[in-house]
Amino acid sequence: MGRIIQTFVKRVGDELLERSPDNYSVDFDKNKLALNEIIENGSLKCPSKRIRNRLAGYISRAVVLRSK
C-alpha cells in the first residue's frame, strides 16, 4: 500500500506545476533547489524543511507520471 499524501502538498504541487512546468524535472534535488528559490523570493510560504521535501518529491513523481 502506498502512503497518503497531504492535501496541502497535492494542491500546492499542482499549482506550482501549472504555473511553471519547465522549472521542475524528475530529479528530486533540482526540485528542492527550485523550491528554495521560490521560498526565498517570498512567493511561497513553507513552514518546514519536511514540507519542502514532500513538495519536491510530489512534484518529481508528478513530472514522471505526466511524461508517460
PDB file of N, CA and C in Angstrom:
ATOM      1  N   MET A   1       0.835  -1.175   0.000  1.00  0.00           N
ATOM      2  CA  MET A   1       0.000   0.000   0.000  1.00  0.00           C
ATOM      3  C   MET A   1       0.883   1.242   0.000  1.00  0.00           C
ATOM      4  N   GLY A   2       0.405   2.263  -0.673  1.00  0.00           N
ATOM      5  CA  GLY A   2       1.158   3.498  -0.755  1.00  0.00           C
ATOM      6  C   GLY A   2       0.879   4.418   0.420  1.00  0.00           C
ATOM      7  N   ARG A   3       1.629   5.474   0.483  1.00  0.00           N
ATOM      8  CA  ARG A   3       1.438   6.460   1.542  1.00  0.00           C
ATOM      9  C   ARG A   3       0.444   7.513   1.076  1.00  0.00           C
ATOM     10  N   ILE A   4      -0.301   8.037   1.999  1.00  0.00           N
ATOM     11  CA  ILE A   4      -1.279   9.070   1.679  1.00  0.00           C
ATOM     12  C   ILE A   4      -0.575  10.420   1.684  1.00  0.00           C
ATOM     13  N   ILE A   5      -0.791  11.192   0.633  1.00  0.00           N
ATOM     14  CA  ILE A   5      -0.165  12.499   0.502  1.00  0.00           C
ATOM     15  C   ILE A   5      -1.127  13.552   1.038  1.00  0.00           C
ATOM     16  N   GLN A   6      -0.601  14.508   1.795  1.00  0.00           N
ATOM     17  CA  GLN A   6      -1.440  15.559   2.360  1.00  0.00           C
ATOM     18  C   GLN A   6      -2.054  16.405   1.254  1.00  0.00           C
ATOM     19  N   THR A   7      -3.257  16.912   1.508  1.00  0.00           N
ATOM     20  CA  THR A   7      -3.945  17.723   0.503  1.00  0.00           C
ATOM     21  C   THR A   7      -3.176  19.000   0.212  1.00  0.00           C
ATOM     22  N   PHE A   8      -2.539  19.562   1.228  1.00  0.00           N
ATOM     23  CA  PHE A   8      -1.751  20.770   1.033  1.00  0.00           C
ATOM     24  C   PHE A   8      -0.646  20.522   0.010  1.00  0.00           C
ATOM     25  N   VAL A   9       0.025  19.404   0.135  1.00  0.00           N
ATOM     26  CA  VAL A   9       1.132  19.071  -0.770  1.00  0.00           C
ATOM     27  C   VAL A   9       0.604  18.888  -2.185  1.00  0.00           C
ATOM     28  N   LYS A  10      -0.516  18.197  -2.327  1.00  0.00           N
ATOM     29  CA  LYS A  10      -1.091  17.987  -3.658  1.00  0.00           C
ATOM     30  C   LYS A  10      -1.510  19.309  -4.292  1.00  0.00           C
ATOM     31  N   ARG A  11      -2.226  20.134  -3.514  1.00  0.00           N
ATOM     32  CA  ARG A  11      -2.757  21.382  -4.050  1.00  0.00           C
ATOM     33  C   ARG A  11      -1.633  22.325  -4.475  1.00  0.00           C
ATOM     34  N   VAL A  12      -0.676  22.541  -3.589  1.00  0.00           N
ATOM     35  CA  VAL A  12       0.424  23.457  -3.889  1.00  0.00           C
ATOM     36  C   VAL A  12       1.310  22.892  -4.998  1.00  0.00           C
ATOM     37  N   GLY A  13       1.573  21.596  -4.961  1.00  0.00           N
ATOM     38  CA  GLY A  13       2.396  20.974  -6.003  1.00  0.00           C
ATOM     39  C   GLY A  13       1.772  21.099  -7.380  1.00  0.00           C
ATOM     40  N   ASP A  14       0.465  20.867  -7.463  1.00  0.00           N
ATOM     41  CA  ASP A  14      -0.220  21.003  -8.751  1.00  0.00           C
ATOM     42  C   ASP A  14      -0.235  22.448  -9.228  1.00  0.00           C
ATOM     43  N   GLU A  15      -0.426  23.401  -8.299  1.00  0.00           N
ATOM     44  CA  GLU A  15      -0.409  24.818  -8.674  1.00  0.00           C
ATOM     45  C   GLU A  15       0.958  25.222  -9.216  1.00  0.00           C
ATOM     46  N   LEU A  16       2.017  24.771  -8.545  1.00  0.00           N
ATOM     47  CA  LEU A  16       3.366  25.117  -8.992  1.00  0.00           C
ATOM     48  C   LEU A  16       3.670  24.514 -10.360  1.00  0.00           C
ATOM     49  N   LEU A  17       3.216  23.295 -10.596  1.00  0.00           N
ATOM     50  CA  LEU A  17       3.442  22.657 -11.898  1.00  0.00           C
ATOM     51  C   LEU A  17       2.652  23.343 -13.004  1.00  0.00           C
ATOM     52  N   GLU A  18       1.459  23.839 -12.693  1.00  0.00           N
ATOM     53  CA  GLU A  18       0.669  24.541 -13.706  1.00  0.00           C
ATOM     54  C   GLU A  18       1.294  25.885 -14.047  1.00  0.00           C
ATOM     55  N   ARG A  19       1.815  26.582 -13.023  1.00  0.00           N
ATOM     56  CA  ARG A  19       2.399  27.907 -13.245  1.00  0.00           C
ATOM     57  C   ARG A  19       3.659  27.841 -14.097  1.00  0.00           C
ATOM     58  N   SER A  20       4.563  26.946 -13.737  1.00  0.00           N
ATOM     59  CA  SER A  20       5.841  26.880 -14.457  1.00  0.00           C
ATOM     60  C   SER A  20       6.345  25.443 -14.525  1.00  0.00           C
ATOM     61  N   PRO A  21       5.832  24.664 -15.459  1.00  0.00           N
ATOM     62  CA  PRO A  21       6.244  23.260 -15.553  1.00  0.00           C
ATOM     63  C   PRO A  21       7.698  23.080 -15.998  1.00  0.00           C
ATOM     64  N   ASP A  22       8.278  24.090 -16.639  1.00  0.00           N
ATOM     65  CA  ASP A  22       9.654  23.967 -17.125  1.00  0.00           C
ATOM     66  C   ASP A  22      10.687  24.059 -16.003  1.00  0.00           C
ATOM     67  N   ASN A  23      10.296  24.591 -14.846  1.00  0.00           N
ATOM     68  CA  ASN A  23      11.237  24.738 -13.732  1.00  0.00           C
ATOM     69  C   ASN A  23      11.507  23.429 -13.004  1.00  0.00           C
ATOM     70  N   TYR A  24      10.694  22.411 -13.239  1.00  0.00           N
ATOM     71  CA  TYR A  24      10.783  21.179 -12.467  1.00  0.00           C
ATOM     72  C   TYR A  24      11.129  20.005 -13.364  1.00  0.00           C
ATOM     73  N   SER A  25      11.803  19.018 -12.766  1.00  0.00           N
ATOM     74  CA  SER A  25      12.220  17.845 -13.529  1.00  0.00           C
ATOM     75  C   SER A  25      11.987  16.594 -12.690  1.00  0.00           C
ATOM     76  N   VAL A  26      12.511  15.493 -13.159  1.00  0.00           N
ATOM     77  CA  VAL A  26      12.385  14.219 -12.459  1.00  0.00           C
ATOM     78  C   VAL A  26      13.340  14.166 -11.262  1.00  0.00           C
ATOM     79  N   ASP A  27      14.368  15.008 -11.275  1.00  0.00           N
ATOM     80  CA  ASP A  27      15.400  14.995 -10.232  1.00  0.00           C
ATOM     81  C   ASP A  27      14.912  15.694  -8.961  1.00  0.00           C
ATOM     82  N   PHE A  28      14.900  14.957  -7.864  1.00  0.00           N
ATOM     83  CA  PHE A  28      14.430  15.460  -6.573  1.00  0.00           C
ATOM     84  C   PHE A  28      15.266  16.643  -6.089  1.00  0.00           C
ATOM     85  N   ASP A  29      16.586  16.548  -6.195  1.00  0.00           N
ATOM     86  CA  ASP A  29      17.465  17.605  -5.685  1.00  0.00           C
ATOM     87  C   ASP A  29      17.297  18.909  -6.455  1.00  0.00           C
ATOM     88  N   LYS A  30      17.114  18.830  -7.764  1.00  0.00           N
ATOM     89  CA  LYS A  30      16.882  20.040  -8.558  1.00  0.00           C
ATOM     90  C   LYS A  30      15.558  20.692  -8.174  1.00  0.00           C
ATOM     91  N   ASN A  31      14.564  19.867  -7.891  1.00  0.00           N
ATOM     92  CA  ASN A  31      13.271  20.407  -7.477  1.00  0.00           C
ATOM     93  C   ASN A  31      13.365  21.074  -6.105  1.00  0.00           C
ATOM     94  N   LYS A  32      14.189  20.514  -5.220  1.00  0.00           N
ATOM     95  CA  LYS A  32      14.403  21.146  -3.914  1.00  0.00           C
ATOM     96  C   LYS A  32      15.014  22.530  -4.083  1.00  0.00           C
ATOM     97  N   LEU A  33      16.004  22.640  -4.962  1.00  0.00           N
ATOM     98  CA  LEU A  33      16.644  23.933  -5.192  1.00  0.00           C
ATOM     99  C   LEU A  33      15.669  24.933  -5.807  1.00  0.00           C
ATOM    100  N   ALA A  34      14.842  24.465  -6.739  1.00  0.00           N
ATOM    101  CA  ALA A  34      13.852  25.347  -7.353  1.00  0.00           C
ATOM    102  C   ALA A  34      12.849  25.833  -6.314  1.00  0.00           C
ATOM    103  N   LEU A  35      12.434  24.952  -5.420  1.00  0.00           N
ATOM    104  CA  LEU A  35      11.503  25.347  -4.360  1.00  0.00           C
ATOM    105  C   LEU A  35      12.164  26.317  -3.386  1.00  0.00           C
ATOM    106  N   ASN A  36      13.447  26.119  -3.094  1.00  0.00           N
ATOM    107  CA  ASN A  36      14.161  27.056  -2.214  1.00  0.00           C
ATOM    108  C   ASN A  36      14.161  28.458  -2.792  1.00  0.00           C
ATOM    109  N   GLU A  37      14.363  28.577  -4.094  1.00  0.00           N
ATOM    110  CA  GLU A  37      14.351  29.892  -4.736  1.00  0.00           C
ATOM    111  C   GLU A  37      12.984  30.546  -4.602  1.00  0.00           C
ATOM    112  N   ILE A  38      11.928  29.778  -4.801  1.00  0.00           N
ATOM    113  CA  ILE A  38      10.572  30.317  -4.697  1.00  0.00           C
ATOM    114  C   ILE A  38      10.274  30.736  -3.259  1.00  0.00           C
ATOM    115  N   ILE A  39      10.737  29.949  -2.298  1.00  0.00           N
ATOM    116  CA  ILE A  39      10.505  30.270  -0.886  1.00  0.00           C
ATOM    117  C   ILE A  39      11.278  31.528  -0.498  1.00  0.00           C
ATOM    118  N   GLU A  40      12.514  31.664  -0.979  1.00  0.00           N
ATOM    119  CA  GLU A  40      13.319  32.842  -0.663  1.00  0.00           C
ATOM    120  C   GLU A  40      12.750  34.102  -1.297  1.00  0.00           C
ATOM    121  N   ASN A  41      12.129  33.979  -2.476  1.00  0.00           N
ATOM    122  CA  ASN A  41      11.506  35.136  -3.117  1.00  0.00           C
ATOM    123  C   ASN A  41      10.293  35.621  -2.345  1.00  0.00           C
ATOM    124  N   GLY A  42       9.709  34.749  -1.555  1.00  0.00           N
ATOM    125  CA  GLY A  42       8.545  35.127  -0.769  1.00  0.00           C
ATOM    126  C   GLY A  42       7.225  34.802  -1.428  1.00  0.00           C
ATOM    127  N   SER A  43       7.255  34.196  -2.600  1.00  0.00           N
ATOM    128  CA  SER A  43       6.007  33.873  -3.284  1.00  0.00           C
ATOM    129  C   SER A  43       5.392  32.572  -2.779  1.00  0.00           C
ATOM    130  N   LEU A  44       6.117  31.836  -1.936  1.00  0.00           N
ATOM    131  CA  LEU A  44       5.592  30.602  -1.343  1.00  0.00           C
ATOM    132  C   LEU A  44       6.047  30.525   0.105  1.00  0.00           C
ATOM    133  N   LYS A  45       5.076  30.308   0.991  1.00  0.00           N
ATOM    134  CA  LYS A  45       5.420  30.121   2.400  1.00  0.00           C
ATOM    135  C   LYS A  45       5.464  28.628   2.680  1.00  0.00           C
ATOM    136  N   CYS A  46       6.585  28.195   3.184  1.00  0.00           N
ATOM    137  CA  CYS A  46       6.752  26.780   3.505  1.00  0.00           C
ATOM    138  C   CYS A  46       7.147  26.687   4.977  1.00  0.00           C
ATOM    139  N   PRO A  47       6.318  26.052   5.796  1.00  0.00           N
ATOM    140  CA  PRO A  47       6.571  26.048   7.234  1.00  0.00           C
ATOM    141  C   PRO A  47       7.803  25.262   7.680  1.00  0.00           C
ATOM    142  N   SER A  48       8.225  24.268   6.906  1.00  0.00           N
ATOM    143  CA  SER A  48       9.363  23.466   7.365  1.00  0.00           C
ATOM    144  C   SER A  48      10.092  22.817   6.196  1.00  0.00           C
ATOM    145  N   LYS A  49      11.278  22.311   6.517  1.00  0.00           N
ATOM    146  CA  LYS A  49      12.078  21.608   5.517  1.00  0.00           C
ATOM    147  C   LYS A  49      11.387  20.315   5.106  1.00  0.00           C
ATOM    148  N   ARG A  50      10.695  19.697   6.024  1.00  0.00           N
ATOM    149  CA  ARG A  50       9.996  18.442   5.744  1.00  0.00           C
ATOM    150  C   ARG A  50       8.900  18.641   4.691  1.00  0.00           C
ATOM    151  N   ILE A  51       8.147  19.717   4.820  1.00  0.00           N
ATOM    152  CA  ILE A  51       7.095  20.013   3.841  1.00  0.00           C
ATOM    153  C   ILE A  51       7.723  20.327   2.485  1.00  0.00           C
ATOM    154  N   ARG A  52       8.842  21.068   2.495  1.00  0.00           N
ATOM    155  CA  ARG A  52       9.535  21.376   1.238  1.00  0.00           C
ATOM    156  C   ARG A  52       9.974  20.095   0.543  1.00  0.00           C
ATOM    157  N   ASN A  53      10.500  19.150   1.310  1.00  0.00           N
ATOM    158  CA  ASN A  53      10.947  17.886   0.730  1.00  0.00           C
ATOM    159  C   ASN A  53       9.776  17.072   0.196  1.00  0.00           C
ATOM    160  N   ARG A  54       8.661  17.098   0.901  1.00  0.00           N
ATOM    161  CA  ARG A  54       7.481  16.376   0.412  1.00  0.00           C
ATOM    162  C   ARG A  54       6.963  16.996  -0.879  1.00  0.00           C
ATOM    163  N   LEU A  55       6.989  18.332  -0.947  1.00  0.00           N
ATOM    164  CA  LEU A  55       6.589  19.013  -2.181  1.00  0.00           C
ATOM    165  C   LEU A  55       7.514  18.625  -3.330  1.00  0.00           C
ATOM    166  N   ALA A  56       8.812  18.623  -3.084  1.00  0.00           N
ATOM    167  CA  ALA A  56       9.775  18.269  -4.128  1.00  0.00           C
ATOM    168  C   ALA A  56       9.566  16.835  -4.600  1.00  0.00           C
ATOM    169  N   GLY A  57       9.302  15.933  -3.681  1.00  0.00           N
ATOM    170  CA  GLY A  57       9.052  14.540  -4.048  1.00  0.00           C
ATOM    171  C   GLY A  57       7.768  14.374  -4.829  1.00  0.00           C
ATOM    172  N   TYR A  58       6.722  15.088  -4.411  1.00  0.00           N
ATOM    173  CA  TYR A  58       5.442  15.012  -5.119  1.00  0.00           C
ATOM    174  C   TYR A  58       5.585  15.554  -6.539  1.00  0.00           C
ATOM    175  N   ILE A  59       6.296  16.666  -6.673  1.00  0.00           N
ATOM    176  CA  ILE A  59       6.491  17.267  -7.995  1.00  0.00           C
ATOM    177  C   ILE A  59       7.312  16.332  -8.880  1.00  0.00           C
ATOM    178  N   SER A  60       8.348  15.708  -8.330  1.00  0.00           N
ATOM    179  CA  SER A  60       9.163  14.764  -9.108  1.00  0.00           C
ATOM    180  C   SER A  60       8.306  13.623  -9.632  1.00  0.00           C
ATOM    181  N   ARG A  61       7.482  13.082  -8.771  1.00  0.00           N
ATOM    182  CA  ARG A  61       6.610  11.967  -9.156  1.00  0.00           C
ATOM    183  C   ARG A  61       5.578  12.415 -10.186  1.00  0.00           C
ATOM    184  N   ALA A  62       5.042  13.617 -10.016  1.00  0.00           N
ATOM    185  CA  ALA A  62       4.038  14.128 -10.948  1.00  0.00           C
ATOM    186  C   ALA A  62       4.641  14.350 -12.334  1.00  0.00           C
ATOM    187  N   VAL A  63       5.891  14.801 -12.384  1.00  0.00           N
ATOM    188  CA  VAL A  63       6.557  15.005 -13.676  1.00  0.00           C
ATOM    189  C   VAL A  63       6.732  13.664 -14.380  1.00  0.00           C
ATOM    190  N   VAL A  64       7.102  12.634 -13.632  1.00  0.00           N
ATOM    191  CA  VAL A  64       7.261  11.299 -14.215  1.00  0.00           C
ATOM    192  C   VAL A  64       5.927  10.810 -14.769  1.00  0.00           C
ATOM    193  N   LEU A  65       4.862  10.968 -13.994  1.00  0.00           N
ATOM    194  CA  LEU A  65       3.550  10.484 -14.429  1.00  0.00           C
ATOM    195  C   LEU A  65       3.016  11.266 -15.622  1.00  0.00           C
ATOM    196  N   ARG A  66       3.289  12.569 -15.674  1.00  0.00           N
ATOM    197  CA  ARG A  66       2.802  13.383 -16.797  1.00  0.00           C
ATOM    198  C   ARG A  66       3.565  13.103 -18.081  1.00  0.00           C
ATOM    199  N   SER A  67       4.792  12.613 -17.958  1.00  0.00           N
ATOM    200  CA  SER A  67       5.577  12.342 -19.162  1.00  0.00           C
ATOM    201  C   SER A  67       5.171  11.037 -19.834  1.00  0.00           C
ATOM    202  N   LYS A  68       4.443  10.184 -19.130  1.00  0.00           N
ATOM    203  CA  LYS A  68       4.023   8.896 -19.699  1.00  0.00           C
ATOM    204  C   LYS A  68       2.797   9.040 -20.555  1.00  0.00           C
TER     205      LYS A  68
END
